[in-house]
Amino acid sequence: QVQLVESGGGFVQAGESLRLFCKASGRTFELRAMGWFRQAPGKEREFVATIAWFGNALQYSDFARGRFTISRQNAEGTGFLEMNGLKPEDTAVYFCAAGEVVGTNGDEYKYWGRGTQVTVSS
């Protein structure tokens, strides 16, 4: 089992930045990819970004590309999502997920955190 705990969410004004953290524990040697997803009230969960735990592979959604940066620090078992130029439409619960493939579909991820709330005011 791998446990994931997100942190770093909060309430910000439009145009500001936030850095989300995802701390992995347990059988972290199973990690091959870490992804971020988000879900806004009344909407489907959507892919944000993902990164390979080893190597350089990563992917971004169209809305994240150019504004968000995903990274990870393997030694500490921690993933990051740096979000700049936040917009009100970025308001959502952001979830960290871990799995065996670098994919954009949530079904490809085996482990999930409980999420951290990001609220962006206009």
N, C-alpha and C. Protein backbone atom coordinates (compact mmCIF):
# COMPACT_ATOMS: atom_id res chain seq x y z
N GLN A 1 0.84 -1.19 0.00
CA GLN A 1 0.00 0.00 0.00
C GLN A 1 0.88 1.25 0.00
N VAL A 2 0.38 2.27 -0.67
CA VAL A 2 1.02 3.58 -0.67
C VAL A 2 0.00 4.58 -0.15
N GLN A 3 0.41 5.38 0.80
CA GLN A 3 -0.46 6.42 1.32
C GLN A 3 0.00 7.77 0.77
N LEU A 4 -0.95 8.60 0.40
CA LEU A 4 -0.67 9.92 -0.17
C LEU A 4 -1.40 10.98 0.64
N VAL A 5 -0.68 12.03 0.99
CA VAL A 5 -1.29 13.14 1.73
C VAL A 5 -0.94 14.43 1.03
N GLU A 6 -1.98 15.16 0.63
CA GLU A 6 -1.78 16.45 -0.02
C GLU A 6 -1.80 17.58 1.01
N SER A 7 -1.12 18.66 0.66
CA SER A 7 -1.17 19.88 1.47
C SER A 7 -0.83 21.05 0.57
N GLY A 8 -1.00 22.24 1.10
CA GLY A 8 -0.62 23.44 0.37
C GLY A 8 -1.77 24.20 -0.25
N GLY A 9 -2.98 23.64 -0.19
CA GLY A 9 -4.12 24.36 -0.73
C GLY A 9 -4.45 25.58 0.11
N GLY A 10 -5.34 26.41 -0.40
CA GLY A 10 -5.72 27.59 0.34
C GLY A 10 -6.60 28.51 -0.46
N PHE A 11 -6.76 29.70 0.06
CA PHE A 11 -7.60 30.73 -0.56
C PHE A 11 -6.68 31.84 -1.07
N VAL A 12 -6.76 32.12 -2.37
CA VAL A 12 -5.90 33.15 -2.96
C VAL A 12 -6.71 34.04 -3.89
N GLN A 13 -6.14 35.15 -4.25
CA GLN A 13 -6.74 36.06 -5.23
C GLN A 13 -6.31 35.65 -6.63
N ALA A 14 -7.11 36.00 -7.60
CA ALA A 14 -6.75 35.71 -8.99
C ALA A 14 -5.39 36.31 -9.32
N GLY A 15 -4.57 35.55 -10.04
CA GLY A 15 -3.25 35.99 -10.40
C GLY A 15 -2.16 35.54 -9.44
N GLU A 16 -2.54 35.09 -8.27
CA GLU A 16 -1.57 34.64 -7.28
C GLU A 16 -1.16 33.19 -7.53
N SER A 17 -0.26 32.70 -6.67
CA SER A 17 0.30 31.37 -6.86
C SER A 17 0.11 30.51 -5.61
N LEU A 18 0.13 29.22 -5.83
CA LEU A 18 0.13 28.24 -4.75
C LEU A 18 1.03 27.08 -5.13
N ARG A 19 1.60 26.44 -4.12
CA ARG A 19 2.39 25.24 -4.36
C ARG A 19 1.78 24.10 -3.56
N LEU A 20 1.35 23.09 -4.25
CA LEU A 20 0.77 21.93 -3.61
C LEU A 20 1.84 20.87 -3.40
N PHE A 21 1.66 20.11 -2.31
CA PHE A 21 2.60 19.06 -1.97
C PHE A 21 1.84 17.73 -1.88
N CYS A 22 2.52 16.66 -2.23
CA CYS A 22 1.96 15.32 -2.08
C CYS A 22 3.04 14.44 -1.47
N LYS A 23 2.81 14.04 -0.22
CA LYS A 23 3.78 13.22 0.49
C LYS A 23 3.35 11.76 0.41
N ALA A 24 4.23 10.91 -0.12
CA ALA A 24 3.96 9.49 -0.24
C ALA A 24 4.66 8.73 0.88
N SER A 25 3.99 7.71 1.40
CA SER A 25 4.59 6.84 2.40
C SER A 25 4.13 5.41 2.16
N GLY A 26 4.76 4.47 2.86
CA GLY A 26 4.43 3.08 2.66
C GLY A 26 5.34 2.46 1.62
N ARG A 27 4.75 1.70 0.70
CA ARG A 27 5.52 0.98 -0.32
C ARG A 27 5.87 1.90 -1.49
N THR A 28 6.62 2.93 -1.19
CA THR A 28 6.93 3.94 -2.21
C THR A 28 7.78 3.39 -3.34
N PHE A 29 8.41 2.25 -3.11
CA PHE A 29 9.21 1.67 -4.20
C PHE A 29 8.31 1.21 -5.35
N GLU A 30 6.98 1.14 -5.09
CA GLU A 30 6.05 0.77 -6.15
C GLU A 30 5.77 1.93 -7.09
N LEU A 31 6.11 3.15 -6.68
CA LEU A 31 5.75 4.32 -7.47
C LEU A 31 6.42 4.31 -8.84
N ARG A 32 5.66 4.60 -9.87
CA ARG A 32 6.19 4.77 -11.21
C ARG A 32 5.68 6.09 -11.80
N ALA A 33 4.61 6.62 -11.28
CA ALA A 33 4.08 7.88 -11.77
C ALA A 33 3.28 8.55 -10.66
N MET A 34 3.31 9.87 -10.65
CA MET A 34 2.49 10.65 -9.73
C MET A 34 1.73 11.68 -10.54
N GLY A 35 0.44 11.72 -10.34
CA GLY A 35 -0.39 12.65 -11.09
C GLY A 35 -1.21 13.55 -10.17
N TRP A 36 -1.68 14.63 -10.75
CA TRP A 36 -2.60 15.54 -10.06
C TRP A 36 -3.88 15.62 -10.86
N PHE A 37 -4.98 15.56 -10.16
CA PHE A 37 -6.31 15.71 -10.74
C PHE A 37 -7.06 16.73 -9.90
N ARG A 38 -8.14 17.23 -10.44
CA ARG A 38 -8.95 18.17 -9.66
C ARG A 38 -10.42 17.94 -9.95
N GLN A 39 -11.23 18.35 -9.00
CA GLN A 39 -12.68 18.24 -9.16
C GLN A 39 -13.34 19.46 -8.55
N ALA A 40 -14.05 20.19 -9.38
CA ALA A 40 -14.81 21.35 -8.95
C ALA A 40 -16.23 20.92 -8.61
N PRO A 41 -16.93 21.68 -7.78
CA PRO A 41 -18.30 21.31 -7.40
C PRO A 41 -19.19 21.13 -8.63
N GLY A 42 -19.88 20.01 -8.68
CA GLY A 42 -20.80 19.74 -9.77
C GLY A 42 -20.15 19.35 -11.08
N LYS A 43 -18.84 19.15 -11.07
CA LYS A 43 -18.14 18.80 -12.31
C LYS A 43 -17.42 17.46 -12.15
N GLU A 44 -17.06 16.90 -13.30
CA GLU A 44 -16.30 15.65 -13.30
C GLU A 44 -14.86 15.91 -12.87
N ARG A 45 -14.24 14.88 -12.35
CA ARG A 45 -12.82 14.97 -12.05
C ARG A 45 -12.05 15.12 -13.36
N GLU A 46 -11.01 15.97 -13.36
CA GLU A 46 -10.23 16.16 -14.58
C GLU A 46 -8.74 16.10 -14.30
N PHE A 47 -8.05 15.67 -15.31
CA PHE A 47 -6.60 15.54 -15.24
C PHE A 47 -5.94 16.90 -15.24
N VAL A 48 -4.89 17.05 -14.42
CA VAL A 48 -4.12 18.29 -14.38
C VAL A 48 -2.72 18.07 -14.96
N ALA A 49 -1.97 17.16 -14.35
CA ALA A 49 -0.59 16.91 -14.78
C ALA A 49 -0.11 15.60 -14.19
N THR A 50 0.92 15.04 -14.81
CA THR A 50 1.50 13.81 -14.30
C THR A 50 2.98 13.77 -14.62
N ILE A 51 3.73 13.04 -13.79
CA ILE A 51 5.17 12.95 -13.97
C ILE A 51 5.63 11.53 -13.64
N ALA A 52 6.59 11.05 -14.42
CA ALA A 52 7.18 9.75 -14.13
C ALA A 52 8.03 9.84 -12.87
N TRP A 53 7.98 8.79 -12.07
CA TRP A 53 8.78 8.82 -10.85
C TRP A 53 10.27 8.65 -11.16
N PHE A 54 10.58 8.00 -12.26
CA PHE A 54 11.94 7.89 -12.75
C PHE A 54 11.96 8.38 -14.19
N GLY A 55 12.98 9.14 -14.54
CA GLY A 55 13.03 9.67 -15.89
C GLY A 55 12.36 11.01 -16.01
N ASN A 56 12.17 11.46 -17.25
CA ASN A 56 11.73 12.83 -17.50
C ASN A 56 10.32 12.94 -18.08
N ALA A 57 9.62 11.85 -18.21
CA ALA A 57 8.31 11.91 -18.84
C ALA A 57 7.33 12.70 -17.98
N LEU A 58 6.59 13.60 -18.61
CA LEU A 58 5.53 14.31 -17.91
C LEU A 58 4.52 14.79 -18.94
N GLN A 59 3.32 15.08 -18.46
CA GLN A 59 2.25 15.57 -19.32
C GLN A 59 1.44 16.61 -18.57
N TYR A 60 0.89 17.54 -19.31
CA TYR A 60 0.02 18.56 -18.74
C TYR A 60 -1.29 18.61 -19.51
N SER A 61 -2.33 18.98 -18.81
CA SER A 61 -3.57 19.29 -19.51
C SER A 61 -3.40 20.63 -20.21
N ASP A 62 -4.29 20.92 -21.13
CA ASP A 62 -4.18 22.18 -21.87
C ASP A 62 -4.28 23.38 -20.94
N PHE A 63 -5.14 23.31 -19.95
CA PHE A 63 -5.31 24.48 -19.08
C PHE A 63 -4.14 24.66 -18.13
N ALA A 64 -3.39 23.60 -17.87
CA ALA A 64 -2.28 23.68 -16.94
C ALA A 64 -0.97 24.07 -17.62
N ARG A 65 -0.86 23.70 -18.88
CA ARG A 65 0.40 23.94 -19.59
C ARG A 65 0.71 25.43 -19.63
N GLY A 66 1.91 25.78 -19.21
CA GLY A 66 2.34 27.17 -19.20
C GLY A 66 2.09 27.90 -17.89
N ARG A 67 1.17 27.39 -17.08
CA ARG A 67 0.88 28.04 -15.79
C ARG A 67 1.28 27.16 -14.61
N PHE A 68 1.15 25.84 -14.76
CA PHE A 68 1.45 24.91 -13.68
C PHE A 68 2.74 24.16 -14.00
N THR A 69 3.46 23.79 -12.94
CA THR A 69 4.66 22.98 -13.10
C THR A 69 4.63 21.82 -12.13
N ILE A 70 4.77 20.62 -12.64
CA ILE A 70 4.80 19.42 -11.80
C ILE A 70 6.25 18.99 -11.61
N SER A 71 6.56 18.53 -10.42
CA SER A 71 7.90 18.04 -10.14
C SER A 71 7.83 17.04 -9.00
N ARG A 72 8.95 16.42 -8.70
CA ARG A 72 8.97 15.48 -7.59
C ARG A 72 10.39 15.37 -7.06
N GLN A 73 10.47 14.98 -5.79
CA GLN A 73 11.75 14.76 -5.13
C GLN A 73 11.73 13.34 -4.61
N ASN A 74 12.39 12.45 -5.34
CA ASN A 74 12.29 11.03 -5.06
C ASN A 74 12.77 10.67 -3.66
N ALA A 75 13.86 11.27 -3.23
CA ALA A 75 14.45 10.89 -1.94
C ALA A 75 13.48 11.13 -0.79
N GLU A 76 12.63 12.13 -0.93
CA GLU A 76 11.68 12.44 0.12
C GLU A 76 10.29 11.89 -0.18
N GLY A 77 10.15 11.23 -1.32
CA GLY A 77 8.84 10.68 -1.68
C GLY A 77 7.77 11.75 -1.79
N THR A 78 8.14 12.89 -2.32
CA THR A 78 7.23 14.04 -2.36
C THR A 78 7.07 14.56 -3.78
N GLY A 79 5.84 14.83 -4.14
CA GLY A 79 5.53 15.46 -5.41
C GLY A 79 5.04 16.87 -5.17
N PHE A 80 5.18 17.71 -6.22
CA PHE A 80 4.81 19.12 -6.10
C PHE A 80 4.00 19.54 -7.33
N LEU A 81 3.12 20.49 -7.11
CA LEU A 81 2.43 21.14 -8.21
C LEU A 81 2.47 22.63 -7.95
N GLU A 82 3.30 23.33 -8.72
CA GLU A 82 3.43 24.77 -8.62
C GLU A 82 2.40 25.39 -9.55
N MET A 83 1.51 26.22 -9.00
CA MET A 83 0.44 26.81 -9.80
C MET A 83 0.58 28.33 -9.78
N ASN A 84 0.78 28.89 -10.95
CA ASN A 84 0.93 30.34 -11.09
C ASN A 84 -0.23 30.92 -11.89
N GLY A 85 -0.43 32.22 -11.74
CA GLY A 85 -1.49 32.87 -12.50
C GLY A 85 -2.84 32.23 -12.29
N LEU A 86 -3.16 31.93 -11.05
CA LEU A 86 -4.41 31.22 -10.76
C LEU A 86 -5.63 32.05 -11.16
N LYS A 87 -6.65 31.33 -11.62
CA LYS A 87 -7.90 31.93 -12.06
C LYS A 87 -9.05 31.38 -11.23
N PRO A 88 -10.16 32.10 -11.16
CA PRO A 88 -11.30 31.58 -10.40
C PRO A 88 -11.73 30.19 -10.87
N GLU A 89 -11.60 29.91 -12.15
CA GLU A 89 -12.00 28.59 -12.68
C GLU A 89 -11.05 27.48 -12.26
N ASP A 90 -9.95 27.82 -11.60
CA ASP A 90 -9.06 26.79 -11.04
C ASP A 90 -9.55 26.32 -9.67
N THR A 91 -10.59 26.95 -9.15
CA THR A 91 -11.13 26.54 -7.86
C THR A 91 -11.62 25.10 -7.92
N ALA A 92 -11.10 24.26 -7.02
CA ALA A 92 -11.43 22.83 -7.03
C ALA A 92 -10.72 22.17 -5.86
N VAL A 93 -11.08 20.92 -5.62
CA VAL A 93 -10.28 20.06 -4.75
C VAL A 93 -9.24 19.38 -5.63
N TYR A 94 -7.99 19.48 -5.24
CA TYR A 94 -6.90 18.91 -6.00
C TYR A 94 -6.44 17.62 -5.32
N PHE A 95 -6.37 16.57 -6.13
CA PHE A 95 -6.01 15.25 -5.63
C PHE A 95 -4.68 14.80 -6.22
N CYS A 96 -3.90 14.19 -5.39
CA CYS A 96 -2.67 13.53 -5.82
C CYS A 96 -2.97 12.05 -6.02
N ALA A 97 -2.37 11.46 -7.04
CA ALA A 97 -2.58 10.04 -7.31
C ALA A 97 -1.26 9.40 -7.71
N ALA A 98 -1.12 8.12 -7.42
CA ALA A 98 0.12 7.41 -7.76
C ALA A 98 -0.23 6.09 -8.41
N GLY A 99 0.59 5.71 -9.37
CA GLY A 99 0.33 4.47 -10.06
C GLY A 99 1.54 3.96 -10.80
N GLU A 100 1.27 3.06 -11.74
CA GLU A 100 2.36 2.39 -12.45
C GLU A 100 2.60 2.93 -13.84
N VAL A 101 1.71 3.78 -14.34
CA VAL A 101 1.90 4.32 -15.68
C VAL A 101 1.72 5.83 -15.64
N VAL A 102 2.37 6.51 -16.56
CA VAL A 102 2.24 7.95 -16.68
C VAL A 102 1.05 8.20 -17.61
N GLY A 103 -0.11 8.38 -17.03
CA GLY A 103 -1.32 8.50 -17.83
C GLY A 103 -2.17 9.67 -17.43
N THR A 104 -3.15 9.98 -18.26
CA THR A 104 -4.04 11.10 -18.02
C THR A 104 -5.42 10.66 -17.54
N ASN A 105 -5.62 9.37 -17.45
CA ASN A 105 -6.90 8.82 -17.01
C ASN A 105 -6.80 8.41 -15.53
N GLY A 106 -7.72 8.91 -14.73
CA GLY A 106 -7.69 8.59 -13.32
C GLY A 106 -7.75 7.11 -13.02
N ASP A 107 -8.36 6.35 -13.91
CA ASP A 107 -8.47 4.90 -13.71
C ASP A 107 -7.11 4.20 -13.76
N GLU A 108 -6.12 4.91 -14.28
CA GLU A 108 -4.78 4.32 -14.38
C GLU A 108 -4.00 4.43 -13.08
N TYR A 109 -4.57 5.13 -12.09
CA TYR A 109 -3.88 5.36 -10.83
C TYR A 109 -4.50 4.52 -9.72
N LYS A 110 -3.62 3.85 -8.99
CA LYS A 110 -4.07 2.91 -7.96
C LYS A 110 -4.29 3.57 -6.62
N TYR A 111 -3.50 4.57 -6.30
CA TYR A 111 -3.55 5.18 -4.97
C TYR A 111 -3.95 6.65 -5.09
N TRP A 112 -4.75 7.11 -4.13
CA TRP A 112 -5.24 8.48 -4.14
C TRP A 112 -5.15 9.10 -2.76
N GLY A 113 -4.86 10.40 -2.73
CA GLY A 113 -4.96 11.14 -1.50
C GLY A 113 -6.38 11.64 -1.30
N ARG A 114 -6.60 12.34 -0.21
CA ARG A 114 -7.95 12.83 0.11
C ARG A 114 -8.22 14.20 -0.47
N GLY A 115 -7.19 14.86 -0.97
CA GLY A 115 -7.39 16.13 -1.64
C GLY A 115 -7.11 17.34 -0.77
N THR A 116 -6.84 18.44 -1.43
CA THR A 116 -6.64 19.72 -0.76
C THR A 116 -7.41 20.78 -1.54
N GLN A 117 -8.12 21.64 -0.83
CA GLN A 117 -8.99 22.62 -1.45
C GLN A 117 -8.19 23.83 -1.93
N VAL A 118 -8.43 24.22 -3.16
CA VAL A 118 -7.87 25.46 -3.71
C VAL A 118 -9.05 26.35 -4.10
N THR A 119 -9.06 27.55 -3.56
CA THR A 119 -10.12 28.51 -3.88
C THR A 119 -9.48 29.79 -4.38
N VAL A 120 -9.90 30.22 -5.56
CA VAL A 120 -9.35 31.42 -6.18
C VAL A 120 -10.46 32.44 -6.31
N SER A 121 -10.27 33.59 -5.70
CA SER A 121 -11.26 34.65 -5.72
C SER A 121 -10.94 35.66 -6.83
N SER A 122 -11.97 36.15 -7.47
CA SER A 122 -11.76 37.12 -8.56
C SER A 122 -11.59 38.54 -8.03
